[in-house]
Amino acid sequence: MTNKKPVFLLNIQAFLQKIEDGILVGLLLLMIFIAVLQIFLRNLFDSGILWGDPLVRILVLWIGLIGAMVASRDNHHISIDVISRYLPEQIKKLSNLIISIFTSLVCAVMAYYSLIFVMMEKNEGILAFATIPAWVCESIIPVSFIIISFRYLLLSFTCLTKLFKHIPQ
């Protein structure tokens, strides 16, 4: 018996991954363009875009968090696995399950507190640059942690099925 996902789910997943990758690449290109334009304008014309530097800082935040979301797609986050290399296979599967659940919980807590932070920023009415409210720029924080938490929750179910798949009865 094979354990394959339906084709429509794979198509939706591939489509969402392309959107995620496209947003990441688009934001990176925009950040590079604004940074190079700022350098060009400052060195040649002794001027620059007034909101260019704050925009680049916000783009770094967005790129970093969307990059973390992309890394969580396939469990490619940085990890220290010196000990897990020497564990027996069943213990390694249990270890992966515990790590996935822990990661999901930590990201859920981060999502909760970052959502509170963004709501406080919205209530304060602080502007990030030009007429853009700071909370809009910071909204990626809870969104990314919610998505990462959800992905690791799904991964924990995968780890759970792998753990009990080959246990002799």
Protein backbone atom coordinates (compact mmCIF):
# COMPACT_ATOMS: atom_id res chain seq x y z
CA MET A 1 0.00 0.00 0.00
CA THR A 2 1.47 3.31 -1.07
CA ASN A 3 1.13 6.48 0.93
CA LYS A 4 0.67 9.10 -1.81
CA LYS A 5 -1.06 12.43 -1.61
CA PRO A 6 -3.87 13.16 -4.07
CA VAL A 7 -2.71 14.96 -7.21
CA PHE A 8 -4.78 18.08 -6.51
CA LEU A 9 -3.10 18.48 -3.10
CA LEU A 10 0.32 18.19 -4.72
CA ASN A 11 -0.70 20.80 -7.30
CA ILE A 12 -1.92 23.19 -4.60
CA GLN A 13 1.24 22.62 -2.58
CA ALA A 14 3.45 23.25 -5.64
CA PHE A 15 1.46 26.40 -6.48
CA LEU A 16 1.79 27.77 -2.93
CA GLN A 17 5.52 27.00 -2.92
CA LYS A 18 5.94 28.90 -6.19
CA ILE A 19 4.09 31.88 -4.72
CA GLU A 20 6.30 31.77 -1.61
CA ASP A 21 9.46 31.51 -3.72
CA GLY A 22 8.25 34.30 -6.02
CA ILE A 23 7.56 36.64 -3.12
CA LEU A 24 10.98 35.87 -1.64
CA VAL A 25 12.81 36.50 -4.93
CA GLY A 26 10.75 39.62 -5.66
CA LEU A 27 11.47 41.14 -2.26
CA LEU A 28 15.17 40.30 -2.57
CA LEU A 29 15.37 41.97 -5.99
CA LEU A 30 13.49 45.01 -4.67
CA MET A 31 15.84 45.27 -1.69
CA ILE A 32 18.92 45.04 -3.91
CA PHE A 33 17.48 47.60 -6.32
CA ILE A 34 16.64 50.13 -3.57
CA ALA A 35 20.05 49.66 -1.88
CA VAL A 36 21.97 50.11 -5.17
CA LEU A 37 19.81 53.07 -6.12
CA GLN A 38 20.51 54.68 -2.73
CA ILE A 39 24.27 54.22 -3.22
CA PHE A 40 24.07 55.59 -6.76
CA LEU A 41 21.99 58.63 -5.74
CA ARG A 42 24.20 59.43 -2.73
CA ASN A 43 27.51 59.13 -4.54
CA LEU A 44 26.55 60.90 -7.76
CA PHE A 45 23.87 63.38 -6.74
CA ASP A 46 24.40 63.85 -2.98
CA SER A 47 20.79 62.88 -2.39
CA GLY A 48 18.75 59.75 -1.93
CA ILE A 49 15.30 58.42 -1.31
CA LEU A 50 14.21 59.63 2.11
CA TRP A 51 12.45 56.37 2.98
CA GLY A 52 14.92 54.08 1.17
CA ASP A 53 16.93 52.98 4.21
CA PRO A 54 13.90 52.16 6.41
CA LEU A 55 12.39 50.23 3.50
CA VAL A 56 15.57 48.19 3.07
CA ARG A 57 15.57 47.36 6.81
CA ILE A 58 11.95 46.22 6.62
CA LEU A 59 12.70 44.18 3.50
CA VAL A 60 15.52 42.43 5.40
CA LEU A 61 12.97 41.48 8.08
CA TRP A 62 10.49 40.20 5.49
CA ILE A 63 13.13 38.28 3.53
CA GLY A 64 14.49 36.68 6.71
CA LEU A 65 11.08 35.53 7.93
CA ILE A 66 9.84 34.37 4.54
CA GLY A 67 13.16 32.56 4.14
CA ALA A 68 12.48 30.85 7.48
CA MET A 69 9.05 29.83 6.19
CA VAL A 70 10.64 28.38 3.05
CA ALA A 71 13.21 26.51 5.16
CA SER A 72 10.44 25.06 7.31
CA ARG A 73 8.71 23.60 4.24
CA ASP A 74 11.05 20.64 4.16
CA ASN A 75 12.54 20.83 7.66
CA HIS A 76 15.72 22.52 6.46
CA HIS A 77 16.30 24.75 9.45
CA ILE A 78 19.70 24.89 11.05
CA SER A 79 20.07 22.07 13.55
CA ILE A 80 22.75 20.56 15.70
CA ASP A 81 22.47 16.83 15.20
CA VAL A 82 25.76 15.46 16.49
CA ILE A 83 24.04 13.16 18.97
CA SER A 84 21.21 12.07 16.65
CA ARG A 85 23.69 10.61 14.16
CA TYR A 86 24.64 7.94 16.70
CA LEU A 87 21.16 7.11 17.97
CA PRO A 88 19.36 3.90 17.04
CA GLU A 89 16.72 4.38 14.31
CA GLN A 90 13.66 4.19 16.62
CA ILE A 91 15.19 6.63 19.12
CA LYS A 92 16.09 8.97 16.25
CA LYS A 93 12.46 8.88 15.08
CA LEU A 94 11.28 9.66 18.62
CA SER A 95 13.83 12.47 18.84
CA ASN A 96 12.56 13.95 15.55
CA LEU A 97 8.99 13.79 16.85
CA ILE A 98 9.90 15.59 20.09
CA ILE A 99 11.90 18.23 18.22
CA SER A 100 9.04 18.85 15.77
CA ILE A 101 6.48 19.22 18.55
CA PHE A 102 8.79 21.49 20.54
CA THR A 103 9.51 23.64 17.48
CA SER A 104 5.80 23.92 16.72
CA LEU A 105 5.04 24.98 20.28
CA VAL A 106 7.85 27.54 20.42
CA CYS A 107 6.75 29.04 17.10
CA ALA A 108 3.13 29.14 18.29
CA VAL A 109 4.20 31.06 21.40
CA MET A 110 6.27 33.41 19.23
CA ALA A 111 3.27 33.91 16.94
CA TYR A 112 1.04 34.75 19.89
CA TYR A 113 3.40 37.30 21.43
CA SER A 114 4.35 38.83 18.10
CA LEU A 115 0.64 39.23 17.32
CA ILE A 116 0.22 41.08 20.63
CA PHE A 117 3.22 43.25 19.68
CA VAL A 118 1.77 44.07 16.26
CA MET A 119 -1.60 44.93 17.82
CA MET A 120 0.12 47.27 20.28
CA GLU A 121 1.95 48.94 17.39
CA LYS A 122 -1.37 49.34 15.55
CA ASN A 123 -2.96 50.96 18.59
CA GLU A 124 -0.02 53.36 18.96
CA GLY A 125 -0.33 54.50 15.34
CA ILE A 126 3.43 54.64 14.76
CA LEU A 127 4.61 55.18 11.18
CA ALA A 128 7.46 53.10 9.78
CA PHE A 129 8.21 55.39 6.85
CA ALA A 130 6.31 57.75 4.58
CA THR A 131 2.66 57.05 5.47
CA ILE A 132 3.07 53.30 6.03
CA PRO A 133 2.11 52.23 9.56
CA ALA A 134 4.71 50.22 11.45
CA TRP A 135 2.24 47.42 12.20
CA VAL A 136 1.83 46.71 8.47
CA CYS A 137 5.58 46.27 8.11
CA GLU A 138 5.73 44.07 11.23
CA SER A 139 2.73 41.93 10.29
CA ILE A 140 5.03 39.35 8.69
CA ILE A 141 6.29 38.36 12.15
CA PRO A 142 3.14 36.63 13.48
CA VAL A 143 2.16 35.37 10.02
CA SER A 144 5.50 33.66 9.48
CA PHE A 145 5.55 32.10 12.95
CA ILE A 146 1.99 30.80 12.51
CA ILE A 147 2.93 29.17 9.21
CA ILE A 148 6.15 27.70 10.62
CA SER A 149 4.28 26.40 13.67
CA PHE A 150 1.64 24.79 11.47
CA ARG A 151 4.28 23.19 9.23
CA TYR A 152 6.11 21.69 12.20
CA LEU A 153 2.82 20.46 13.63
CA LEU A 154 2.19 18.64 10.34
CA LEU A 155 5.77 17.37 10.40
CA SER A 156 5.21 16.01 13.91
CA PHE A 157 2.30 13.94 12.58
CA THR A 158 4.59 12.62 9.84
CA CYS A 159 7.21 11.77 12.47
CA LEU A 160 4.55 10.07 14.57
CA THR A 161 3.46 7.84 11.68
CA LYS A 162 7.10 6.98 10.92
CA LEU A 163 7.66 6.12 14.56
CA PHE A 164 4.81 3.61 14.72
CA LYS A 165 5.13 2.34 11.15
CA HIS A 166 7.79 -0.33 11.80
CA ILE A 167 7.16 -1.29 15.42
CA PRO A 168 6.64 -5.06 15.64
CA GLN A 169 3.35 -6.11 17.20
